[in-house]
Amino acid sequence: MAKAKKSAAREIVVTRLLDAPRQRVWEALTDPKQLESWWGPIGFKTVTDEIAIKPGGFWRHTMIGPDGAEYPNMTVFKEVVKPKRIVYVNGGGRKGGPGTHFRATWTLEASGAKTELTIRLVFDTPKERNFVIKEFGALEGGKQTLARLAEHLATHPAFELLIERVINAPRERVFEAWTNPERLAQWFAPKPFQLIVKKMNFRPGGKFNMSMRGPDGSNFPFTGTYREIVPPEKLVWTGEFTSGPADQITTAVTFDARGQQTRIHAQQTFHVMTPEIEHATKGAKQGWTMTLDQLDAFCSGARQIDRVEKRVELKAPPSRVWRALTDHREFGKWFRVAIDGPFEPGQISRGRITYPGYEHVKWEVVVKQLQSERRFSFTWHPYPIDPKADYSNETSTLVEFTLKKTKKGTLLTVTESGFDQLPAARRPEAFRANAAGWTEQMKNIERHLLSRQKRQR
């Protein structure tokens, strides 16, 4: 007991709960660029001359106060145990003035999606400890340093995505779509992927285990924990890919009622950056856009299961848009299909899809109308992805492209109707898939026209 009291008389201990996973905090402690941005009390800046964060490594740095006073320091790292603990000895003080020496232990304890960080400084004598508190304000300085770290973590995630979307369904119905595996599996995966729900314990603290399955059968598993559930207003969960540390990603979704519609705001924060996560972030926005398209179709499907309609205003004249639609070679480039020959009214157009994951799907449509610079239409069997299925006896849906000249260029509208005539077992999936698919194809033709314009300049 007496020994513990003597030890405590030589210590300064500061603890703070940080709103970030332990792996993210570790990166902020050990990445030299990040370290300089938050190290030291408020108003201080740090200049590094040499750094190697490893056992036996050095950190020679100078802290510069708001008044311009310099505080040279030499740090020698003794232990670096990722992502749990850093131990070092440090010597330094005001330039030209008295200095001090201490041993520091920084300990990181995971607390759900947060991290409890404790700094323990041990001085040679109680006198030295009291000196740095009085002379340098070390206790308050430690608190301010951790406050700056907390601010840095909040404002510098490894990657962050913000997306909003209005869903054409009441808030309660939209929220319910997230609450059980049967509903979630019908829309929560960007096509051509399918969501496989292995486990879903929908409660605060409950775990989930799911995977995205590609059309070739490949699986991309991910797990996580529900952190906050406020029906029908808010969902927060943390998740991770199985190959990396826990709680890599935090996702918060809010649901705002707008009459019979719901505005969704999704914020997805990637706290660490691994090769797998870096790959995922490249398609994150597109994936979320397609997924929310499918949510919209799923939630509004009871009221609108017959017709899909998408619009885009293109910065090109109708003649140029018409050519992109009706020249079979150019159509194939943005639609991702290899077509055997020109479009002709009343004739069957054949080919094969070239979109990755759908190369096994045949292109076979019946061209209906080619009204120059006004309307292009055809019929087809929607979402015919099962190579073993015979779709020939099903009623086809009608796809219509219409063009309208605007001040900026051309308003292009695509509609697909007739889903209500499909077999009941296939109707919801075909509707959701094509609703999301047409959203993507409208972006494709827009990108295609813009890229052609840039090449012609």
Protein backbone atom coordinates (compact mmCIF):
# COMPACT_ATOMS: atom_id res chain seq x y z
CA MET A 1 0.00 0.00 0.00
CA ALA A 2 2.79 2.41 0.97
CA LYS A 3 4.65 1.55 -2.25
CA ALA A 4 1.54 2.31 -4.33
CA LYS A 5 1.14 5.70 -2.62
CA LYS A 6 4.78 6.54 -3.31
CA SER A 7 4.32 5.55 -6.97
CA ALA A 8 1.15 7.63 -7.30
CA ALA A 9 2.99 10.65 -5.94
CA ARG A 10 5.32 10.44 -8.96
CA GLU A 11 2.57 9.97 -11.58
CA ILE A 12 0.33 12.00 -13.81
CA VAL A 13 -2.60 10.02 -15.25
CA VAL A 14 -5.01 11.32 -17.91
CA THR A 15 -7.83 9.24 -19.42
CA ARG A 16 -10.31 10.01 -22.19
CA LEU A 17 -12.97 7.99 -24.03
CA LEU A 18 -12.47 8.62 -27.75
CA ASP A 19 -15.28 8.23 -30.27
CA ALA A 20 -13.30 6.03 -32.67
CA PRO A 21 -12.33 2.34 -32.87
CA ARG A 22 -9.01 1.31 -31.36
CA GLN A 23 -7.39 0.66 -34.75
CA ARG A 24 -8.19 4.21 -35.89
CA VAL A 25 -6.77 5.69 -32.67
CA TRP A 26 -3.63 3.61 -33.08
CA GLU A 27 -3.12 5.01 -36.57
CA ALA A 28 -3.43 8.58 -35.25
CA LEU A 29 -0.78 7.79 -32.61
CA THR A 30 1.71 6.12 -34.93
CA ASP A 31 1.36 7.93 -38.27
CA PRO A 32 3.95 10.77 -38.11
CA LYS A 33 1.84 13.13 -40.27
CA GLN A 34 -1.21 12.67 -38.08
CA LEU A 35 0.82 12.84 -34.87
CA GLU A 36 2.12 16.34 -35.65
CA SER A 37 -1.39 17.64 -36.36
CA TRP A 38 -2.72 17.05 -32.82
CA TRP A 39 0.29 16.60 -30.48
CA GLY A 40 0.57 19.03 -27.58
CA PRO A 41 -1.73 21.41 -25.70
CA ILE A 42 -4.04 23.85 -27.46
CA GLY A 43 -2.07 26.45 -29.44
CA PHE A 44 1.10 24.36 -29.69
CA LYS A 45 2.61 23.00 -32.89
CA THR A 46 5.16 20.25 -33.25
CA VAL A 47 8.13 20.07 -35.62
CA THR A 48 9.71 16.62 -36.12
CA ASP A 49 13.42 16.22 -36.93
CA GLU A 50 13.52 12.43 -36.77
CA ILE A 51 11.01 9.70 -35.95
CA ALA A 52 10.91 5.90 -35.91
CA ILE A 53 8.05 4.46 -33.86
CA LYS A 54 9.45 1.06 -33.00
CA PRO A 55 11.25 -0.47 -29.99
CA GLY A 56 14.56 1.37 -29.74
CA GLY A 57 13.42 4.05 -32.20
CA PHE A 58 13.80 7.80 -31.61
CA TRP A 59 11.54 10.81 -31.94
CA ARG A 60 13.42 14.11 -31.92
CA HIS A 61 10.91 16.92 -32.01
CA THR A 62 10.36 20.48 -30.87
CA MET A 63 7.11 21.75 -29.43
CA ILE A 64 6.48 25.44 -30.05
CA GLY A 65 4.10 27.29 -27.74
CA PRO A 66 1.65 30.06 -28.66
CA ASP A 67 4.20 32.60 -27.39
CA GLY A 68 6.92 31.18 -29.66
CA ALA A 69 8.81 29.46 -26.85
CA GLU A 70 10.52 26.24 -27.96
CA TYR A 71 10.53 22.97 -26.05
CA PRO A 72 13.02 20.45 -27.57
CA ASN A 73 12.27 16.80 -26.71
CA MET A 74 13.97 13.46 -27.22
CA THR A 75 11.77 10.36 -27.05
CA VAL A 76 13.06 6.77 -27.04
CA PHE A 77 10.43 4.08 -27.65
CA LYS A 78 10.67 1.02 -25.39
CA GLU A 79 7.49 -0.93 -26.31
CA VAL A 80 5.21 -0.66 -29.36
CA VAL A 81 2.45 -3.28 -29.09
CA LYS A 82 -0.12 -2.75 -31.86
CA PRO A 83 -2.87 -1.69 -31.18
CA LYS A 84 -2.67 -1.89 -27.39
CA ARG A 85 0.24 -0.03 -25.86
CA ILE A 86 3.14 2.38 -26.43
CA VAL A 87 5.85 2.87 -23.81
CA TYR A 88 8.63 5.45 -24.11
CA VAL A 89 11.00 7.56 -22.07
CA ASN A 90 11.18 11.27 -22.72
CA GLY A 91 13.54 14.08 -21.82
CA GLY A 92 12.98 17.73 -22.60
CA GLY A 93 11.97 21.16 -21.43
CA ARG A 94 11.99 24.83 -22.32
CA LYS A 95 14.94 25.78 -24.53
CA GLY A 96 17.65 27.31 -22.30
CA GLY A 97 15.69 26.40 -19.16
CA PRO A 98 15.35 23.45 -16.80
CA GLY A 99 14.19 20.13 -18.24
CA THR A 100 12.56 16.98 -17.01
CA HIS A 101 12.57 13.23 -17.54
CA PHE A 102 9.75 10.69 -17.32
CA ARG A 103 8.53 7.30 -18.53
CA ALA A 104 5.19 7.31 -20.39
CA THR A 105 2.74 4.49 -21.06
CA TRP A 106 -0.14 5.04 -23.47
CA THR A 107 -2.77 2.28 -23.17
CA LEU A 108 -5.65 1.73 -25.61
CA GLU A 109 -8.67 -0.26 -24.42
CA ALA A 110 -11.50 -1.07 -26.83
CA SER A 111 -14.93 -0.02 -25.57
CA GLY A 112 -17.37 -1.15 -28.24
CA ALA A 113 -16.84 1.15 -31.21
CA LYS A 114 -14.95 3.60 -28.97
CA THR A 115 -11.53 3.59 -27.32
CA GLU A 116 -10.47 4.44 -23.78
CA LEU A 117 -7.01 5.99 -23.95
CA THR A 118 -4.96 6.36 -20.79
CA ILE A 119 -1.68 8.27 -20.49
CA ARG A 120 0.45 7.42 -17.46
CA LEU A 121 3.60 9.53 -16.87
CA VAL A 122 5.99 8.35 -14.14
CA PHE A 123 8.70 10.76 -12.90
CA ASP A 124 11.86 9.96 -10.95
CA THR A 125 10.65 11.86 -7.87
CA PRO A 126 7.47 13.54 -6.62
CA LYS A 127 9.38 16.82 -6.77
CA GLU A 128 9.91 16.49 -10.52
CA ARG A 129 6.27 15.58 -11.00
CA ASN A 130 5.12 18.65 -9.07
CA PHE A 131 7.60 20.82 -10.98
CA VAL A 132 6.19 19.98 -14.43
CA ILE A 133 2.64 20.49 -13.21
CA LYS A 134 3.52 23.94 -11.87
CA GLU A 135 6.07 25.01 -14.49
CA PHE A 136 4.58 23.51 -17.66
CA GLY A 137 0.94 22.85 -16.72
CA ALA A 138 1.48 19.19 -17.55
CA LEU A 139 -1.82 17.88 -16.15
CA GLU A 140 -3.94 20.38 -18.05
CA GLY A 141 -1.63 19.99 -21.05
CA GLY A 142 -2.31 16.25 -21.12
CA LYS A 143 -6.06 16.84 -21.08
CA GLN A 144 -5.80 19.38 -23.89
CA THR A 145 -3.63 17.03 -25.94
CA LEU A 146 -6.26 14.31 -25.76
CA ALA A 147 -8.94 16.86 -26.60
CA ARG A 148 -7.00 17.75 -29.74
CA LEU A 149 -6.67 14.07 -30.57
CA ALA A 150 -10.44 13.64 -30.17
CA GLU A 151 -11.05 16.58 -32.52
CA HIS A 152 -8.59 15.16 -35.04
CA LEU A 153 -10.33 11.78 -35.03
CA ALA A 154 -13.72 13.40 -35.51
CA THR A 155 -12.62 15.56 -38.43
CA HIS A 156 -10.16 13.24 -40.18
CA PRO A 157 -11.71 9.82 -40.85
CA ALA A 158 -9.85 7.57 -43.25
CA PHE A 159 -12.83 7.91 -45.64
CA GLU A 160 -16.36 9.24 -45.25
CA LEU A 161 -19.41 8.98 -47.47
CA LEU A 162 -22.56 11.09 -47.12
CA ILE A 163 -25.64 10.35 -49.21
CA GLU A 164 -29.28 11.46 -49.10
CA ARG A 165 -32.31 10.05 -50.86
CA VAL A 166 -36.07 10.54 -50.80
CA ILE A 167 -37.95 7.21 -50.72
CA ASN A 168 -41.50 7.18 -52.03
CA ALA A 169 -43.02 5.46 -49.01
CA PRO A 170 -43.99 6.40 -45.42
CA ARG A 171 -41.27 6.37 -42.77
CA GLU A 172 -42.60 3.34 -40.88
CA ARG A 173 -42.59 1.20 -44.01
CA VAL A 174 -39.08 2.32 -44.97
CA PHE A 175 -37.73 1.64 -41.47
CA GLU A 176 -39.31 -1.82 -41.39
CA ALA A 177 -37.40 -2.76 -44.55
CA TRP A 178 -34.19 -2.71 -42.45
CA THR A 179 -35.49 -4.73 -39.51
CA ASN A 180 -35.56 -8.41 -40.52
CA PRO A 181 -33.45 -10.64 -42.76
CA GLU A 182 -36.23 -11.55 -45.21
CA ARG A 183 -36.93 -7.91 -46.05
CA LEU A 184 -33.30 -6.84 -46.01
CA ALA A 185 -32.20 -9.60 -48.39
CA GLN A 186 -34.61 -8.36 -51.05
CA TRP A 187 -32.92 -4.99 -51.58
CA PHE A 188 -29.73 -4.44 -49.51
CA ALA A 189 -27.12 -5.26 -52.17
CA PRO A 190 -26.19 -3.42 -55.38
CA LYS A 191 -26.93 -5.52 -58.45
CA PRO A 192 -25.63 -7.95 -59.62
CA PHE A 193 -24.83 -8.95 -56.02
CA GLN A 194 -27.21 -10.81 -53.72
CA LEU A 195 -27.32 -10.37 -49.95
CA ILE A 196 -26.94 -13.57 -47.92
CA VAL A 197 -28.01 -13.13 -44.28
CA LYS A 198 -26.46 -15.78 -42.03
CA LYS A 199 -27.24 -14.08 -38.72
CA MET A 200 -29.13 -10.91 -37.82
CA ASN A 201 -29.89 -10.06 -34.19
CA PHE A 202 -31.69 -6.74 -34.63
CA ARG A 203 -31.27 -5.06 -31.23
CA PRO A 204 -28.72 -2.67 -29.68
CA GLY A 205 -25.61 -4.77 -29.14
CA GLY A 206 -26.90 -7.50 -31.46
CA LYS A 207 -24.54 -9.06 -33.98
CA PHE A 208 -24.97 -9.69 -37.70
CA ASN A 209 -23.11 -11.90 -40.16
CA MET A 210 -23.80 -11.40 -43.88
CA SER A 211 -22.13 -11.62 -47.25
CA MET A 212 -22.48 -10.17 -50.74
CA ARG A 213 -22.64 -12.98 -53.32
CA GLY A 214 -21.63 -12.22 -56.87
CA PRO A 215 -23.23 -13.76 -59.98
CA ASP A 216 -20.21 -16.09 -60.29
CA GLY A 217 -20.83 -17.45 -56.78
CA SER A 218 -17.99 -15.54 -55.08
CA ASN A 219 -18.73 -14.31 -51.55
CA PHE A 220 -17.62 -11.15 -49.76
CA PRO A 221 -18.42 -11.67 -46.06
CA PHE A 222 -18.81 -8.93 -43.47
CA THR A 223 -19.88 -8.85 -39.83
CA GLY A 224 -20.90 -6.17 -37.37
CA THR A 225 -22.84 -4.95 -34.36
CA TYR A 226 -25.97 -2.81 -34.06
CA ARG A 227 -25.07 0.13 -31.81
CA GLU A 228 -28.21 2.28 -31.77
CA ILE A 229 -31.79 1.57 -32.85
CA VAL A 230 -34.45 4.30 -32.49
CA PRO A 231 -37.60 3.19 -34.39
CA PRO A 232 -38.46 4.64 -36.86
CA GLU A 233 -35.88 7.44 -36.71
CA LYS A 234 -32.32 6.15 -36.60
CA LEU A 235 -30.02 3.16 -37.06
CA VAL A 236 -26.31 2.99 -36.21
CA TRP A 237 -24.07 -0.02 -36.68
CA THR A 238 -20.40 -0.81 -36.85
CA GLY A 239 -18.99 -3.41 -39.18
CA GLU A 240 -15.88 -5.00 -40.54
CA PHE A 241 -14.61 -7.19 -43.32
CA THR A 242 -13.46 -10.49 -41.88
CA SER A 243 -9.85 -9.98 -42.96
CA GLY A 244 -9.30 -6.82 -40.90
CA PRO A 245 -9.68 -5.38 -37.38
CA ALA A 246 -13.05 -5.00 -35.66
CA ASP A 247 -15.29 -1.96 -36.09
CA GLN A 248 -13.59 -0.73 -39.26
CA ILE A 249 -16.73 1.06 -40.46
CA THR A 250 -19.49 3.03 -38.73
CA THR A 251 -22.78 3.57 -40.55
CA ALA A 252 -25.51 5.91 -39.30
CA VAL A 253 -28.85 6.18 -41.11
CA THR A 254 -31.59 8.65 -40.17
CA PHE A 255 -35.19 8.58 -41.42
CA ASP A 256 -37.12 11.88 -41.70
CA ALA A 257 -40.85 11.81 -42.44
CA ARG A 258 -41.94 14.00 -45.37
CA GLY A 259 -45.65 13.31 -45.59
CA GLN A 260 -45.99 10.01 -47.45
CA GLN A 261 -42.29 10.10 -48.33
CA THR A 262 -39.13 9.54 -46.30
CA ARG A 263 -35.81 11.34 -46.56
CA ILE A 264 -32.90 9.04 -45.75
CA HIS A 265 -29.52 10.46 -44.71
CA ALA A 266 -26.73 7.89 -44.61
CA GLN A 267 -23.25 8.60 -43.22
CA GLN A 268 -20.65 5.87 -43.60
CA THR A 269 -17.26 6.42 -41.96
CA PHE A 270 -14.28 4.19 -42.71
CA HIS A 271 -11.96 4.47 -39.70
CA VAL A 272 -9.04 2.49 -41.13
CA MET A 273 -7.70 1.98 -44.62
CA THR A 274 -6.73 -1.54 -45.63
CA PRO A 275 -6.37 -2.71 -49.27
CA GLU A 276 -9.77 -4.42 -49.01
CA ILE A 277 -11.42 -1.27 -47.62
CA GLU A 278 -9.70 0.96 -50.18
CA HIS A 279 -11.19 -1.23 -52.92
CA ALA A 280 -14.63 -1.00 -51.29
CA THR A 281 -14.53 2.81 -51.02
CA LYS A 282 -14.02 3.21 -54.77
CA GLY A 283 -17.49 1.87 -55.46
CA ALA A 284 -19.17 2.96 -52.22
CA LYS A 285 -21.19 5.88 -53.62
CA GLN A 286 -22.38 3.97 -56.66
CA GLY A 287 -23.21 0.96 -54.51
CA TRP A 288 -25.25 3.00 -52.05
CA THR A 289 -27.07 4.77 -54.91
CA MET A 290 -28.08 1.47 -56.50
CA THR A 291 -29.02 -0.01 -53.13
CA LEU A 292 -31.28 2.92 -52.26
CA ASP A 293 -32.88 2.65 -55.70
CA GLN A 294 -33.74 -0.91 -54.79
CA LEU A 295 -35.04 0.18 -51.38
CA ASP A 296 -37.28 2.72 -53.12
CA ALA A 297 -38.60 0.05 -55.46
CA PHE A 298 -39.09 -2.40 -52.60
CA CYS A 299 -40.97 0.06 -50.36
CA SER A 300 -43.11 1.57 -53.10
CA GLY A 301 -43.61 -1.71 -54.93
CA ALA A 302 -47.07 -2.29 -53.48
CA ARG A 303 -48.24 0.93 -55.15
CA GLN A 304 -46.05 0.95 -58.26
CA ILE A 305 -45.12 -2.54 -59.42
CA ASP A 306 -46.01 -2.03 -63.10
CA ARG A 307 -43.84 0.85 -64.26
CA VAL A 308 -40.28 2.16 -63.92
CA GLU A 309 -39.52 5.71 -65.04
CA LYS A 310 -36.13 7.48 -64.97
CA ARG A 311 -35.07 10.87 -66.34
CA VAL A 312 -31.84 12.66 -67.02
CA GLU A 313 -31.07 16.01 -68.67
CA LEU A 314 -28.17 15.54 -71.04
CA LYS A 315 -25.87 18.31 -72.20
CA ALA A 316 -26.19 17.33 -75.85
CA PRO A 317 -28.70 18.12 -78.63
CA PRO A 318 -31.46 15.62 -79.43
CA SER A 319 -29.70 14.57 -82.64
CA ARG A 320 -26.62 13.53 -80.67
CA VAL A 321 -28.64 11.69 -78.01
CA TRP A 322 -30.65 9.97 -80.74
CA ARG A 323 -27.50 8.63 -82.33
CA ALA A 324 -26.26 7.31 -78.96
CA LEU A 325 -29.59 5.48 -78.57
CA THR A 326 -30.20 4.09 -82.04
CA ASP A 327 -26.77 3.38 -83.50
CA HIS A 328 -26.42 -0.22 -82.34
CA ARG A 329 -22.64 0.03 -81.96
CA GLU A 330 -22.79 3.21 -79.89
CA PHE A 331 -25.75 1.93 -77.87
CA GLY A 332 -23.69 -1.13 -77.06
CA LYS A 333 -20.78 0.91 -75.70
CA TRP A 334 -22.72 2.64 -72.93
CA PHE A 335 -25.33 -0.09 -72.34
CA ARG A 336 -22.59 -2.76 -72.28
CA VAL A 337 -23.98 -5.09 -74.89
CA ALA A 338 -22.56 -6.49 -78.13
CA ILE A 339 -25.37 -6.31 -80.74
CA ASP A 340 -25.23 -8.28 -83.98
CA GLY A 341 -26.72 -5.65 -86.29
CA PRO A 342 -28.66 -2.37 -86.69
CA PHE A 343 -32.01 -1.73 -85.01
CA GLU A 344 -34.96 -2.18 -87.42
CA PRO A 345 -38.65 -1.72 -86.51
CA GLY A 346 -40.49 -5.01 -86.26
CA GLN A 347 -37.27 -7.03 -86.20
CA ILE A 348 -35.54 -8.98 -83.44
CA SER A 349 -32.24 -7.53 -82.24
CA ARG A 350 -29.85 -10.15 -80.90
CA GLY A 351 -26.51 -10.08 -79.10
CA ARG A 352 -24.98 -10.68 -75.70
CA ILE A 353 -24.58 -8.61 -72.54
CA THR A 354 -20.97 -7.53 -71.77
CA TYR A 355 -21.61 -6.09 -68.29
CA PRO A 356 -19.28 -7.88 -65.81
CA GLY A 357 -21.11 -10.72 -64.12
CA TYR A 358 -23.84 -10.88 -66.79
CA GLU A 359 -21.84 -12.12 -69.78
CA HIS A 360 -24.01 -15.27 -69.86
CA VAL A 361 -27.19 -13.24 -70.52
CA LYS A 362 -28.43 -13.00 -74.11
CA TRP A 363 -29.64 -9.73 -75.63
CA GLU A 364 -32.88 -10.38 -77.49
CA VAL A 365 -35.39 -7.57 -77.98
CA VAL A 366 -38.11 -6.77 -80.50
CA VAL A 367 -37.72 -3.25 -81.86
CA LYS A 368 -41.10 -1.47 -81.91
CA GLN A 369 -40.63 2.21 -82.82
CA LEU A 370 -37.89 4.40 -84.24
CA GLN A 371 -39.41 7.90 -84.48
CA SER A 372 -36.45 10.11 -85.36
CA GLU A 373 -35.20 12.16 -82.40
CA ARG A 374 -38.44 11.53 -80.54
CA ARG A 375 -39.06 7.92 -79.52
CA PHE A 376 -37.23 4.59 -79.51
CA SER A 377 -38.95 1.53 -78.05
CA PHE A 378 -38.56 -2.23 -77.81
CA THR A 379 -39.93 -5.18 -75.84
CA TRP A 380 -37.89 -7.76 -73.94
CA HIS A 381 -37.98 -10.22 -71.09
CA PRO A 382 -36.71 -8.29 -68.03
CA TYR A 383 -33.85 -9.59 -65.89
CA PRO A 384 -33.45 -12.98 -67.64
CA ILE A 385 -30.37 -14.00 -65.67
CA ASP A 386 -31.10 -17.67 -64.98
CA PRO A 387 -29.56 -19.68 -67.86
CA LYS A 388 -31.74 -22.67 -66.98
CA ALA A 389 -35.04 -20.75 -67.12
CA ASP A 390 -37.28 -20.51 -70.19
CA TYR A 391 -38.69 -16.98 -70.40
CA SER A 392 -40.26 -17.36 -73.84
CA ASN A 393 -43.79 -17.93 -72.52
CA GLU A 394 -43.74 -14.83 -70.30
CA THR A 395 -45.27 -11.52 -71.31
CA SER A 396 -42.60 -9.01 -72.33
CA THR A 397 -42.20 -5.55 -70.83
CA LEU A 398 -42.13 -2.43 -73.01
CA VAL A 399 -39.10 -0.13 -72.86
CA GLU A 400 -39.54 3.40 -74.28
CA PHE A 401 -36.96 6.16 -74.66
CA THR A 402 -38.41 9.63 -75.32
CA LEU A 403 -36.45 12.81 -76.09
CA LYS A 404 -37.41 16.42 -75.45
CA LYS A 405 -35.29 19.42 -76.36
CA THR A 406 -34.38 21.74 -73.43
CA LYS A 407 -32.32 24.90 -73.03
CA LYS A 408 -29.36 22.88 -71.79
CA GLY A 409 -29.69 20.00 -74.25
CA THR A 410 -32.08 17.05 -74.11
CA LEU A 411 -34.37 15.59 -71.48
CA LEU A 412 -34.19 11.83 -71.88
CA THR A 413 -36.89 9.72 -70.25
CA VAL A 414 -36.91 5.94 -70.13
CA THR A 415 -39.95 3.98 -69.01
CA GLU A 416 -40.42 0.27 -68.66
CA SER A 417 -43.97 -1.00 -68.15
CA GLY A 418 -45.78 -4.32 -67.94
CA PHE A 419 -44.22 -5.79 -64.82
CA ASP A 420 -47.67 -6.60 -63.47
CA GLN A 421 -48.04 -9.22 -66.23
CA LEU A 422 -44.98 -11.17 -65.11
CA PRO A 423 -45.30 -14.35 -63.01
CA ALA A 424 -45.90 -13.37 -59.40
CA ALA A 425 -42.81 -15.23 -58.15
CA ARG A 426 -40.50 -13.30 -60.47
CA ARG A 427 -42.22 -9.90 -60.59
CA PRO A 428 -40.73 -8.14 -57.49
CA GLU A 429 -37.14 -9.19 -58.25
CA ALA A 430 -37.37 -8.18 -61.93
CA PHE A 431 -38.93 -4.84 -60.98
CA ARG A 432 -36.31 -4.02 -58.34
CA ALA A 433 -33.41 -5.12 -60.53
CA ASN A 434 -34.49 -3.09 -63.55
CA ALA A 435 -35.41 -0.04 -61.47
CA ALA A 436 -31.85 0.02 -60.17
CA GLY A 437 -30.45 -0.94 -63.57
CA TRP A 438 -32.10 1.95 -65.40
CA THR A 439 -30.74 4.39 -62.84
CA GLU A 440 -27.25 3.13 -63.65
CA GLN A 441 -27.84 3.12 -67.42
CA MET A 442 -28.96 6.76 -67.40
CA LYS A 443 -25.68 7.61 -65.73
CA ASN A 444 -23.84 5.50 -68.29
CA ILE A 445 -25.26 7.36 -71.30
CA GLU A 446 -24.52 10.68 -69.61
CA ARG A 447 -20.90 9.67 -69.00
CA HIS A 448 -20.64 8.31 -72.54
CA LEU A 449 -21.76 11.58 -74.13
CA LEU A 450 -19.52 13.69 -71.91
CA SER A 451 -16.46 11.54 -72.67
CA ARG A 452 -17.12 11.80 -76.41
CA GLN A 453 -17.42 15.59 -76.13
CA LYS A 454 -14.07 15.81 -74.31
CA ARG A 455 -12.32 13.70 -76.96
CA GLN A 456 -13.69 15.92 -79.76
CA ARG A 457 -12.32 19.13 -78.22
